[in-house]
C-alpha cells in the first residue's frame, strides 16, 4: 500500500469520526462520565485521597470504545433508513463500508479485553454483561416493530445501556479495592439512566426547518412543547437521583445548588427555542444537554474530590 493510499485511508476515517463520532465533542463528556464513575465509587468507601490513575485510564478508554461501538451498531441498525432518507451519511455515500466497521468493532473489543485483563480479569464479567445488552440493542431486543411505535419505551430500553457502561466504569475501582459494589452506587447508576435519556431527547428536538423526512425526532412524534417538557422532567429526575447519590458522599447542598441553577438554564433555553424555532435553533438544546452532562458528572466526581482536599 502506497503512502498516498495510507493518507487517503486516514482521511476517510478522520472524516467519519468528524461526522459520526466527533472526538472533540464526545471526548470531554465521556471523560467526565468515566472519571465521575471512578471517583464516586472511590468516595463511597474512602474519606481521603484520589482513585488510582490506572482505573481512571481504563475506565475512560473502555467507555470511549463502548460508545463508539454503539455508533457502529447504529450504522447497521439504521442502514436501510439511512440509505433511503439520509444518503449523505458516510456509509450510504460510500465513505466507509459496514465490513470495515465490523473490523473496527472487533479491534475495539480486543483493546477492551486487553485493558480488563491488565487491570483485573474479573472485569471481563462486567464487559460481557455490557456487550450482551449492546448486542440485544443492535437487534432491538427482537421486538423492533413493536418498539418503533412506542417511543418512550424505546428510549428507556435503549438508554438502559448507560447504567451498564457506568457499572463497568465504577467496577474498575470497586472491583479492585473492595471486591463488591459499594452501598449507594444504585442512585449514581439511576442518574446515568435519566441523564442518557436527557441527552437523547435533547439531540432530537429540532426546529420545523431542520426536520428531515423519515426521521422520527421527538419534536415530530411528541410535538415540540411536549418534547421539551419530557426533556425537563428527565433532567429533573437525574437531578433528584444525583442529589441522593451526593448525599452519600456528603456533597448534597453544593450539587443541589449547582444542578438547580443548571436546570433553570435548561428551562430558559427551552423557552427561547419555543419562541424562536428558527433554523438551527434546536442545536442549542443539543449543546445544552452536553453541558448539563458535563456539569452533572463533574459535580459528582472532580468537585467533591477537590472539596475534600480543601476541607
C-alpha atoms as a PDB file:
ATOM      1  CA  UNK A   1       0.000   0.000   0.000  1.00  0.00           C
ATOM      2  CA  UNK A   2       1.434   3.366  -1.051  1.00  0.00           C
ATOM      3  CA  UNK A   3       1.784   6.412   1.181  1.00  0.00           C
ATOM      4  CA  UNK A   4      -0.929   8.099  -0.863  1.00  0.00           C
ATOM      5  CA  UNK A   5      -3.341   5.223  -0.187  1.00  0.00           C
ATOM      6  CA  UNK A   6      -2.487   5.347   3.503  1.00  0.00           C
ATOM      7  CA  UNK A   7      -3.174   9.067   3.577  1.00  0.00           C
ATOM      8  CA  UNK A   8      -6.472   8.562   1.781  1.00  0.00           C
ATOM      9  CA  UNK A   9      -7.462   5.855   4.235  1.00  0.00           C
ATOM     10  CA  UNK A  10      -6.652   8.007   7.246  1.00  0.00           C
ATOM     11  CA  UNK A  11      -8.507  10.928   5.699  1.00  0.00           C
ATOM     12  CA  UNK A  12     -11.605   8.796   5.209  1.00  0.00           C
ATOM     13  CA  UNK A  13     -11.633   7.769   8.881  1.00  0.00           C
ATOM     14  CA  UNK A  14     -10.924  11.308  10.017  1.00  0.00           C
ATOM     15  CA  UNK A  15     -13.997  12.489   8.086  1.00  0.00           C
ATOM     16  CA  UNK A  16     -16.044   9.600   9.503  1.00  0.00           C
ATOM     17  CA  UNK A  17     -15.211  10.438  13.106  1.00  0.00           C
ATOM     18  CA  UNK A  18     -15.827  14.116  12.481  1.00  0.00           C
ATOM     19  CA  UNK A  19     -19.306  13.411  11.124  1.00  0.00           C
ATOM     20  CA  UNK A  20     -20.455  10.440  13.213  1.00  0.00           C
ATOM     21  CA  UNK A  21     -18.327  10.365  16.380  1.00  0.00           C
ATOM     22  CA  UNK A  22     -16.569  13.720  16.821  1.00  0.00           C
ATOM     23  CA  UNK A  23     -13.885  13.122  19.433  1.00  0.00           C
ATOM     24  CA  UNK A  24     -13.548  16.819  20.229  1.00  0.00           C
ATOM     25  CA  UNK A  25     -17.206  16.854  21.254  1.00  0.00           C
ATOM     26  CA  UNK A  26     -17.633  13.391  22.761  1.00  0.00           C
ATOM     27  CA  UNK A  27     -14.203  13.021  24.364  1.00  0.00           C
ATOM     28  CA  UNK A  28     -14.628  15.564  27.199  1.00  0.00           C
ATOM     29  CA  UNK A  29     -18.150  14.330  28.017  1.00  0.00           C
ATOM     30  CA  UNK A  30     -17.080  10.678  28.090  1.00  0.00           C
ATOM     31  CA  UNK A  31     -14.055  11.570  30.219  1.00  0.00           C
ATOM     32  CA  UNK A  32     -16.311  13.382  32.699  1.00  0.00           C
ATOM     33  CA  UNK A  33     -18.666  10.383  32.619  1.00  0.00           C
ATOM     34  CA  UNK A  34     -15.946   7.801  33.285  1.00  0.00           C
ATOM     35  CA  UNK A  35     -13.904   9.885  35.732  1.00  0.00           C
ATOM     36  CA  UNK A  36     -17.013  10.624  37.765  1.00  0.00           C
ATOM     37  CA  UNK A  37     -17.843   6.919  37.924  1.00  0.00           C
ATOM     38  CA  UNK A  38     -14.403   6.006  39.249  1.00  0.00           C
ATOM     39  CA  UNK A  39     -14.238   8.971  41.633  1.00  0.00           C
ATOM     40  CA  UNK A  40     -17.742   8.455  43.024  1.00  0.00           C
ATOM     41  CA  UNK A  41     -17.087   4.773  43.658  1.00  0.00           C
ATOM     42  CA  UNK A  42     -13.861   5.721  45.440  1.00  0.00           C
ATOM     43  CA  UNK A  43     -15.536   8.347  47.616  1.00  0.00           C
ATOM     44  CA  UNK A  44     -18.262   5.929  48.717  1.00  0.00           C
ATOM     45  CA  UNK A  45     -15.738   3.933  50.721  1.00  0.00           C
ATOM     46  CA  UNK A  46     -12.733   6.242  51.131  1.00  0.00           C
ATOM     47  CA  UNK A  47     -12.614   9.529  53.032  1.00  0.00           C
ATOM     48  CA  UNK A  48      -9.422  10.922  51.511  1.00  0.00           C
ATOM     49  CA  UNK A  49      -7.044  10.662  48.578  1.00  0.00           C
ATOM     50  CA  UNK A  50      -7.779  10.056  44.907  1.00  0.00           C
ATOM     51  CA  UNK A  51      -8.618   6.918  42.918  1.00  0.00           C
ATOM     52  CA  UNK A  52      -5.825   5.202  41.020  1.00  0.00           C
ATOM     53  CA  UNK A  53      -4.714   6.568  37.669  1.00  0.00           C
ATOM     54  CA  UNK A  54      -4.902   3.040  36.207  1.00  0.00           C
ATOM     55  CA  UNK A  55      -8.624   2.797  36.983  1.00  0.00           C
ATOM     56  CA  UNK A  56      -9.263   6.246  35.514  1.00  0.00           C
ATOM     57  CA  UNK A  57      -7.417   5.429  32.268  1.00  0.00           C
ATOM     58  CA  UNK A  58      -9.020   2.002  31.811  1.00  0.00           C
ATOM     59  CA  UNK A  59     -12.484   3.386  32.536  1.00  0.00           C
ATOM     60  CA  UNK A  60     -12.078   6.263  30.078  1.00  0.00           C
ATOM     61  CA  UNK A  61     -10.627   4.275  27.169  1.00  0.00           C
ATOM     62  CA  UNK A  62     -13.097   1.424  27.612  1.00  0.00           C
ATOM     63  CA  UNK A  63     -16.095   3.775  27.854  1.00  0.00           C
ATOM     64  CA  UNK A  64     -14.922   5.719  24.805  1.00  0.00           C
ATOM     65  CA  UNK A  65     -14.784   2.461  22.860  1.00  0.00           C
ATOM     66  CA  UNK A  66     -18.167   1.359  24.253  1.00  0.00           C
ATOM     67  CA  UNK A  67     -19.828   4.468  22.879  1.00  0.00           C
ATOM     68  CA  UNK A  68     -18.011   4.152  19.564  1.00  0.00           C
ATOM     69  CA  UNK A  69     -19.229   0.554  19.309  1.00  0.00           C
ATOM     70  CA  UNK A  70     -22.762   1.816  19.905  1.00  0.00           C
ATOM     71  CA  UNK A  71     -22.305   4.197  16.983  1.00  0.00           C
ATOM     72  CA  UNK A  72     -21.162   1.295  14.801  1.00  0.00           C
ATOM     73  CA  UNK A  73     -24.167  -0.767  15.904  1.00  0.00           C
ATOM     74  CA  UNK A  74     -26.428   2.122  14.903  1.00  0.00           C
ATOM     75  CA  UNK A  75     -24.882   2.118  11.424  1.00  0.00           C
ATOM     76  CA  UNK A  76     -26.085  -1.477  10.984  1.00  0.00           C
ATOM     77  CA  UNK A  77     -29.446  -0.970  12.683  1.00  0.00           C
ATOM     78  CA  UNK A  78     -30.275   2.125  10.620  1.00  0.00           C
ATOM     79  CA  UNK A  79     -28.684   1.110   7.326  1.00  0.00           C
ATOM     80  CA  UNK A  80     -31.990   0.834   5.427  1.00  0.00           C
ATOM     81  CA  UNK A  81     -33.397   4.116   6.761  1.00  0.00           C
ATOM     82  CA  UNK A  82     -30.084   5.876   6.115  1.00  0.00           C
ATOM     83  CA  UNK A  83     -29.956   4.600   2.544  1.00  0.00           C
ATOM     84  CA  UNK A  84     -33.495   5.826   1.950  1.00  0.00           C
ATOM     85  CA  UNK A  85     -33.683   9.087   3.882  1.00  0.00           C
ATOM     86  CA  UNK A  86     -30.090  10.059   4.765  1.00  0.00           C
ATOM     87  CA  UNK A  87     -27.898   9.192   1.768  1.00  0.00           C
ATOM     88  CA  UNK A  88     -25.478  11.954   2.786  1.00  0.00           C
ATOM     89  CA  UNK A  89     -24.187   9.897   5.730  1.00  0.00           C
ATOM     90  CA  UNK A  90     -20.776   8.186   5.448  1.00  0.00           C
ATOM     91  CA  UNK A  91     -21.974   4.590   4.944  1.00  0.00           C
ATOM     92  CA  UNK A  92     -24.698   5.227   2.327  1.00  0.00           C
ATOM     93  CA  UNK A  93     -22.450   7.531   0.324  1.00  0.00           C
ATOM     94  CA  UNK A  94     -19.587   5.008   0.369  1.00  0.00           C
ATOM     95  CA  UNK A  95     -17.039   6.825   2.520  1.00  0.00           C
ATOM     96  CA  UNK A  96     -16.653   3.708   4.702  1.00  0.00           C
ATOM     97  CA  UNK A  97     -18.176   0.243   4.451  1.00  0.00           C
ATOM     98  CA  UNK A  98     -20.031  -1.836   7.004  1.00  0.00           C
ATOM     99  CA  UNK A  99     -17.361  -4.513   6.643  1.00  0.00           C
ATOM    100  CA  UNK A 100     -14.670  -2.019   7.626  1.00  0.00           C
ATOM    101  CA  UNK A 101     -16.765  -1.003  10.632  1.00  0.00           C
ATOM    102  CA  UNK A 102     -17.007  -4.650  11.726  1.00  0.00           C
ATOM    103  CA  UNK A 103     -13.208  -4.882  11.702  1.00  0.00           C
ATOM    104  CA  UNK A 104     -13.002  -1.682  13.741  1.00  0.00           C
ATOM    105  CA  UNK A 105     -15.611  -3.010  16.194  1.00  0.00           C
ATOM    106  CA  UNK A 106     -13.537  -6.167  16.715  1.00  0.00           C
ATOM    107  CA  UNK A 107     -10.350  -4.153  17.231  1.00  0.00           C
ATOM    108  CA  UNK A 108     -12.127  -2.056  19.867  1.00  0.00           C
ATOM    109  CA  UNK A 109     -13.238  -5.252  21.612  1.00  0.00           C
ATOM    110  CA  UNK A 110      -9.686  -6.591  21.651  1.00  0.00           C
ATOM    111  CA  UNK A 111      -8.450  -3.374  23.279  1.00  0.00           C
ATOM    112  CA  UNK A 112     -11.235  -3.565  25.870  1.00  0.00           C
ATOM    113  CA  UNK A 113     -10.378  -7.178  26.687  1.00  0.00           C
ATOM    114  CA  UNK A 114      -6.697  -6.335  26.957  1.00  0.00           C
ATOM    115  CA  UNK A 115      -7.332  -3.458  29.352  1.00  0.00           C
ATOM    116  CA  UNK A 116      -9.627  -5.598  31.502  1.00  0.00           C
ATOM    117  CA  UNK A 117      -7.066  -8.401  31.716  1.00  0.00           C
ATOM    118  CA  UNK A 118      -4.351  -5.905  32.605  1.00  0.00           C
ATOM    119  CA  UNK A 119      -6.296  -4.215  35.388  1.00  0.00           C
ATOM    120  CA  UNK A 120      -8.311  -7.131  36.787  1.00  0.00           C
ATOM    121  CA  UNK A 121      -9.596 -10.187  34.841  1.00  0.00           C
ATOM    122  CA  UNK A 122     -12.841 -10.088  36.843  1.00  0.00           C
ATOM    123  CA  UNK A 123     -13.771  -7.035  34.773  1.00  0.00           C
ATOM    124  CA  UNK A 124     -14.420  -9.417  31.889  1.00  0.00           C
ATOM    125  CA  UNK A 125     -17.702 -10.384  33.577  1.00  0.00           C
ATOM    126  CA  UNK A 126     -18.911  -6.769  33.539  1.00  0.00           C
ATOM    127  CA  UNK A 127     -17.598  -6.397  29.994  1.00  0.00           C
ATOM    128  CA  UNK A 128     -19.590  -9.428  28.859  1.00  0.00           C
ATOM    129  CA  UNK A 129     -22.769  -8.128  30.515  1.00  0.00           C
ATOM    130  CA  UNK A 130     -22.456  -4.781  28.728  1.00  0.00           C
ATOM    131  CA  UNK A 131     -21.646  -6.404  25.392  1.00  0.00           C
ATOM    132  CA  UNK A 132     -24.638  -8.733  25.726  1.00  0.00           C
ATOM    133  CA  UNK A 133     -27.031  -5.852  26.274  1.00  0.00           C
ATOM    134  CA  UNK A 134     -25.354  -3.953  23.459  1.00  0.00           C
ATOM    135  CA  UNK A 135     -25.960  -6.917  21.146  1.00  0.00           C
ATOM    136  CA  UNK A 136     -29.630  -7.073  22.142  1.00  0.00           C
ATOM    137  CA  UNK A 137     -29.937  -3.354  21.415  1.00  0.00           C
ATOM    138  CA  UNK A 138     -28.466  -3.923  17.965  1.00  0.00           C
ATOM    139  CA  UNK A 139     -31.248  -6.435  17.318  1.00  0.00           C
ATOM    140  CA  UNK A 140     -33.786  -4.136  19.014  1.00  0.00           C
ATOM    141  CA  UNK A 141     -34.438  -6.958  21.506  1.00  0.00           C
ATOM    142  CA  UNK A 142     -36.040  -8.901  18.647  1.00  0.00           C
ATOM    143  CA  UNK A 143     -39.212  -6.806  19.021  1.00  0.00           C
ATOM    144  CA  UNK A 144     -38.183  -3.906  16.793  1.00  0.00           C
ATOM    145  CA  UNK A 145     -41.541  -3.444  15.047  1.00  0.00           C
ATOM    146  CA  UNK A 146     -43.378  -3.338  18.376  1.00  0.00           C
ATOM    147  CA  UNK A 147     -40.867  -0.912  19.903  1.00  0.00           C
ATOM    148  CA  UNK A 148     -40.789   1.518  16.992  1.00  0.00           C
ATOM    149  CA  UNK A 149     -44.236   2.883  17.720  1.00  0.00           C
ATOM    150  CA  UNK A 150     -43.642   3.194  21.463  1.00  0.00           C
ATOM    151  CA  UNK A 151     -41.120   5.999  21.636  1.00  0.00           C
ATOM    152  CA  UNK A 152     -40.781   6.327  25.400  1.00  0.00           C
ATOM    153  CA  UNK A 153     -40.397   2.561  25.859  1.00  0.00           C
ATOM    154  CA  UNK A 154     -37.852   2.521  23.032  1.00  0.00           C
ATOM    155  CA  UNK A 155     -35.954   5.353  24.690  1.00  0.00           C
ATOM    156  CA  UNK A 156     -35.857   3.699  28.130  1.00  0.00           C
ATOM    157  CA  UNK A 157     -34.834   0.258  26.848  1.00  0.00           C
ATOM    158  CA  UNK A 158     -32.018   1.699  24.767  1.00  0.00           C
ATOM    159  CA  UNK A 159     -30.776   4.150  27.390  1.00  0.00           C
ATOM    160  CA  UNK A 160     -30.549   1.302  29.920  1.00  0.00           C
ATOM    161  CA  UNK A 161     -27.116   0.719  28.383  1.00  0.00           C
ATOM    162  CA  UNK A 162     -25.910   3.847  30.209  1.00  0.00           C
ATOM    163  CA  UNK A 163     -26.058   2.389  33.751  1.00  0.00           C
ATOM    164  CA  UNK A 164     -24.360  -0.766  32.465  1.00  0.00           C
ATOM    165  CA  UNK A 165     -21.491   1.201  30.945  1.00  0.00           C
ATOM    166  CA  UNK A 166     -21.289   3.188  34.171  1.00  0.00           C
ATOM    167  CA  UNK A 167     -21.318  -0.031  36.187  1.00  0.00           C
ATOM    168  CA  UNK A 168     -18.252  -1.157  34.255  1.00  0.00           C
ATOM    169  CA  UNK A 169     -16.561   2.208  34.787  1.00  0.00           C
ATOM    170  CA  UNK A 170     -17.213   2.101  38.543  1.00  0.00           C
ATOM    171  CA  UNK A 171     -16.095  -1.526  38.548  1.00  0.00           C
ATOM    172  CA  UNK A 172     -12.594  -0.508  37.527  1.00  0.00           C
ATOM    173  CA  UNK A 173     -12.402   0.969  41.029  1.00  0.00           C
ATOM    174  CA  UNK A 174     -14.587  -1.051  43.422  1.00  0.00           C
ATOM    175  CA  UNK A 175     -13.745  -4.454  41.982  1.00  0.00           C
ATOM    176  CA  UNK A 176     -10.061  -3.864  42.734  1.00  0.00           C
ATOM    177  CA  UNK A 177     -10.394  -2.036  46.046  1.00  0.00           C
ATOM    178  CA  UNK A 178     -13.423  -3.772  47.586  1.00  0.00           C
ATOM    179  CA  UNK A 179     -14.337  -6.796  45.518  1.00  0.00           C
ATOM    180  CA  UNK A 180     -18.018  -5.802  45.568  1.00  0.00           C
ATOM    181  CA  UNK A 181     -20.149  -2.788  44.650  1.00  0.00           C
ATOM    182  CA  UNK A 182     -20.333  -0.202  47.467  1.00  0.00           C
ATOM    183  CA  UNK A 183     -23.603   0.897  49.042  1.00  0.00           C
ATOM    184  CA  UNK A 184     -25.056   3.976  47.370  1.00  0.00           C
ATOM    185  CA  UNK A 185     -23.973   3.098  43.841  1.00  0.00           C
ATOM    186  CA  UNK A 186     -27.551   2.454  42.712  1.00  0.00           C
ATOM    187  CA  UNK A 187     -28.510   6.141  42.728  1.00  0.00           C
ATOM    188  CA  UNK A 188     -25.472   7.050  40.648  1.00  0.00           C
ATOM    189  CA  UNK A 189     -26.416   4.425  38.055  1.00  0.00           C
ATOM    190  CA  UNK A 190     -30.048   5.582  38.018  1.00  0.00           C
ATOM    191  CA  UNK A 191     -28.893   9.160  37.479  1.00  0.00           C
ATOM    192  CA  UNK A 192     -26.955   7.879  34.453  1.00  0.00           C
ATOM    193  CA  UNK A 193     -30.135   6.380  33.012  1.00  0.00           C
ATOM    194  CA  UNK A 194     -32.071   9.645  33.241  1.00  0.00           C
ATOM    195  CA  UNK A 195     -29.078  11.646  32.054  1.00  0.00           C
ATOM    196  CA  UNK A 196     -28.749   9.405  28.996  1.00  0.00           C
ATOM    197  CA  UNK A 197     -32.430   9.916  28.253  1.00  0.00           C
ATOM    198  CA  UNK A 198     -31.946  13.669  28.518  1.00  0.00           C
ATOM    199  CA  UNK A 199     -29.056  13.605  26.052  1.00  0.00           C
ATOM    200  CA  UNK A 200     -31.000  11.508  23.539  1.00  0.00           C
ATOM    201  CA  UNK A 201     -34.099  13.690  23.753  1.00  0.00           C
ATOM    202  CA  UNK A 202     -32.024  16.867  23.568  1.00  0.00           C
ATOM    203  CA  UNK A 203     -30.317  15.880  20.340  1.00  0.00           C
ATOM    204  CA  UNK A 204     -33.625  15.031  18.672  1.00  0.00           C
ATOM    205  CA  UNK A 205     -35.538  18.253  19.277  1.00  0.00           C
ATOM    206  CA  UNK A 206     -35.429  20.388  16.151  1.00  0.00           C
ATOM    207  CA  UNK A 207     -36.964  23.428  14.540  1.00  0.00           C
ATOM    208  CA  UNK A 208     -39.500  22.781  11.753  1.00  0.00           C
ATOM    209  CA  UNK A 209     -36.961  23.789   9.090  1.00  0.00           C
ATOM    210  CA  UNK A 210     -34.422  21.267  10.404  1.00  0.00           C
ATOM    211  CA  UNK A 211     -36.716  18.226  10.387  1.00  0.00           C
ATOM    212  CA  UNK A 212     -35.886  15.509   7.848  1.00  0.00           C
ATOM    213  CA  UNK A 213     -38.317  13.268   6.037  1.00  0.00           C
ATOM    214  CA  UNK A 214     -38.375   9.777   7.530  1.00  0.00           C
ATOM    215  CA  UNK A 215     -36.530  10.827  10.703  1.00  0.00           C
ATOM    216  CA  UNK A 216     -38.835  10.407  13.755  1.00  0.00           C
ATOM    217  CA  UNK A 217     -37.372  13.069  16.057  1.00  0.00           C
ATOM    218  CA  UNK A 218     -39.034  13.670  19.406  1.00  0.00           C
ATOM    219  CA  UNK A 219     -40.139  17.106  18.235  1.00  0.00           C
ATOM    220  CA  UNK A 220     -42.112  15.324  15.492  1.00  0.00           C
ATOM    221  CA  UNK A 221     -43.572  12.363  17.393  1.00  0.00           C
ATOM    222  CA  UNK A 222     -44.393  14.273  20.595  1.00  0.00           C
ATOM    223  CA  UNK A 223     -44.578  17.858  19.382  1.00  0.00           C
ATOM    224  CA  UNK A 224     -42.075  20.488  20.492  1.00  0.00           C
ATOM    225  CA  UNK A 225     -43.741  21.622  23.751  1.00  0.00           C
ATOM    226  CA  UNK A 226     -44.249  18.046  24.979  1.00  0.00           C
ATOM    227  CA  UNK A 227     -40.734  17.002  23.905  1.00  0.00           C
ATOM    228  CA  UNK A 228     -39.264  19.906  25.860  1.00  0.00           C
ATOM    229  CA  UNK A 229     -41.419  19.094  28.880  1.00  0.00           C
ATOM    230  CA  UNK A 230     -40.192  15.487  28.893  1.00  0.00           C
ATOM    231  CA  UNK A 231     -36.617  16.750  28.451  1.00  0.00           C
ATOM    232  CA  UNK A 232     -37.011  18.920  31.540  1.00  0.00           C
ATOM    233  CA  UNK A 233     -38.667  16.097  33.503  1.00  0.00           C
ATOM    234  CA  UNK A 234     -35.898  13.553  32.885  1.00  0.00           C
ATOM    235  CA  UNK A 235     -33.281  16.176  33.751  1.00  0.00           C
ATOM    236  CA  UNK A 236     -35.205  16.835  36.954  1.00  0.00           C
ATOM    237  CA  UNK A 237     -35.229  13.103  37.728  1.00  0.00           C
ATOM    238  CA  UNK A 238     -31.486  12.997  37.053  1.00  0.00           C
ATOM    239  CA  UNK A 239     -31.096  15.907  39.470  1.00  0.00           C
ATOM    240  CA  UNK A 240     -33.023  14.075  42.208  1.00  0.00           C
ATOM    241  CA  UNK A 241     -31.023  10.863  41.802  1.00  0.00           C
ATOM    242  CA  UNK A 242     -27.757  12.802  41.668  1.00  0.00           C
ATOM    243  CA  UNK A 243     -28.603  14.661  44.880  1.00  0.00           C
ATOM    244  CA  UNK A 244     -29.426  11.382  46.658  1.00  0.00           C
ATOM    245  CA  UNK A 245     -26.119   9.955  45.416  1.00  0.00           C
ATOM    246  CA  UNK A 246     -24.294  13.126  46.508  1.00  0.00           C
ATOM    247  CA  UNK A 247     -25.760  12.762  49.999  1.00  0.00           C
ATOM    248  CA  UNK A 248     -23.774   9.506  50.295  1.00  0.00           C
ATOM    249  CA  UNK A 249     -20.521  11.422  49.824  1.00  0.00           C
ATOM    250  CA  UNK A 250     -21.523  14.470  51.919  1.00  0.00           C
ATOM    251  CA  UNK A 251     -21.857  16.789  48.933  1.00  0.00           C
ATOM    252  CA  UNK A 252     -25.629  17.250  48.836  1.00  0.00           C
ATOM    253  CA  UNK A 253     -26.060  21.028  49.162  1.00  0.00           C
ATOM    254  CA  UNK A 254     -23.381  22.061  46.634  1.00  0.00           C
ATOM    255  CA  UNK A 255     -24.798  19.695  43.995  1.00  0.00           C
ATOM    256  CA  UNK A 256     -28.372  20.750  44.727  1.00  0.00           C
ATOM    257  CA  UNK A 257     -27.391  24.373  44.102  1.00  0.00           C
ATOM    258  CA  UNK A 258     -25.257  23.692  41.015  1.00  0.00           C
ATOM    259  CA  UNK A 259     -27.772  21.442  39.262  1.00  0.00           C
ATOM    260  CA  UNK A 260     -30.767  23.580  40.193  1.00  0.00           C
ATOM    261  CA  UNK A 261     -29.122  26.574  38.514  1.00  0.00           C
ATOM    262  CA  UNK A 262     -28.160  24.427  35.509  1.00  0.00           C
ATOM    263  CA  UNK A 263     -31.697  23.040  35.203  1.00  0.00           C
ATOM    264  CA  UNK A 264     -33.006  26.603  35.368  1.00  0.00           C
ATOM    265  CA  UNK A 265     -30.768  27.387  32.414  1.00  0.00           C
ATOM    266  CA  UNK A 266     -32.281  24.452  30.515  1.00  0.00           C
ATOM    267  CA  UNK A 267     -35.749  25.870  31.078  1.00  0.00           C
ATOM    268  CA  UNK A 268     -34.644  29.264  29.766  1.00  0.00           C
ATOM    269  CA  UNK A 269     -33.024  27.677  26.691  1.00  0.00           C
ATOM    270  CA  UNK A 270     -36.152  25.598  26.033  1.00  0.00           C
ATOM    271  CA  UNK A 271     -38.482  28.591  26.271  1.00  0.00           C
ATOM    272  CA  UNK A 272     -36.215  30.563  23.955  1.00  0.00           C
ATOM    273  CA  UNK A 273     -36.301  27.663  21.475  1.00  0.00           C
ATOM    274  CA  UNK A 274     -40.118  27.545  21.542  1.00  0.00           C
ATOM    275  CA  UNK A 275     -40.336  31.267  20.853  1.00  0.00           C
ATOM    276  CA  UNK A 276     -37.781  31.291  18.056  1.00  0.00           C
ATOM    277  CA  UNK A 277     -37.875  27.895  16.305  1.00  0.00           C
ATOM    278  CA  UNK A 278     -35.595  29.267  13.611  1.00  0.00           C
ATOM    279  CA  UNK A 279     -33.301  27.109  11.532  1.00  0.00           C
ATOM    280  CA  UNK A 280     -30.554  25.618  13.674  1.00  0.00           C
ATOM    281  CA  UNK A 281     -32.175  26.662  16.970  1.00  0.00           C
ATOM    282  CA  UNK A 282     -32.530  23.036  18.038  1.00  0.00           C
ATOM    283  CA  UNK A 283     -28.742  22.843  18.197  1.00  0.00           C
ATOM    284  CA  UNK A 284     -28.912  24.901  21.397  1.00  0.00           C
ATOM    285  CA  UNK A 285     -30.937  22.127  23.045  1.00  0.00           C
ATOM    286  CA  UNK A 286     -28.370  19.520  21.990  1.00  0.00           C
ATOM    287  CA  UNK A 287     -25.435  21.641  23.166  1.00  0.00           C
ATOM    288  CA  UNK A 288     -27.097  22.366  26.487  1.00  0.00           C
ATOM    289  CA  UNK A 289     -27.714  18.645  27.002  1.00  0.00           C
ATOM    290  CA  UNK A 290     -23.971  18.124  26.655  1.00  0.00           C
ATOM    291  CA  UNK A 291     -23.233  20.996  29.032  1.00  0.00           C
ATOM    292  CA  UNK A 292     -25.709  19.574  31.569  1.00  0.00           C
ATOM    293  CA  UNK A 293     -23.948  16.208  31.357  1.00  0.00           C
ATOM    294  CA  UNK A 294     -20.536  17.760  31.950  1.00  0.00           C
ATOM    295  CA  UNK A 295     -21.798  19.727  34.949  1.00  0.00           C
ATOM    296  CA  UNK A 296     -23.619  16.740  36.463  1.00  0.00           C
ATOM    297  CA  UNK A 297     -20.746  14.293  36.223  1.00  0.00           C
ATOM    298  CA  UNK A 298     -18.026  16.717  37.243  1.00  0.00           C
ATOM    299  CA  UNK A 299     -20.194  17.700  40.222  1.00  0.00           C
ATOM    300  CA  UNK A 300     -20.248  14.054  41.310  1.00  0.00           C
ATOM    301  CA  UNK A 301     -16.586  13.392  40.556  1.00  0.00           C
ATOM    302  CA  UNK A 302     -13.990  16.137  40.372  1.00  0.00           C
ATOM    303  CA  UNK A 303     -15.649  18.815  42.513  1.00  0.00           C
ATOM    304  CA  UNK A 304     -16.253  16.693  45.633  1.00  0.00           C
ATOM    305  CA  UNK A 305     -12.701  15.325  45.397  1.00  0.00           C
ATOM    306  CA  UNK A 306     -11.331  18.874  45.346  1.00  0.00           C
ATOM    307  CA  UNK A 307     -13.734  19.858  48.152  1.00  0.00           C
ATOM    308  CA  UNK A 308     -12.382  17.067  50.328  1.00  0.00           C
ATOM    309  CA  UNK A 309      -8.856  18.272  49.749  1.00  0.00           C
ATOM    310  CA  UNK A 310      -9.784  21.832  50.745  1.00  0.00           C
ATOM    311  CA  UNK A 311     -11.569  20.917  53.970  1.00  0.00           C
END
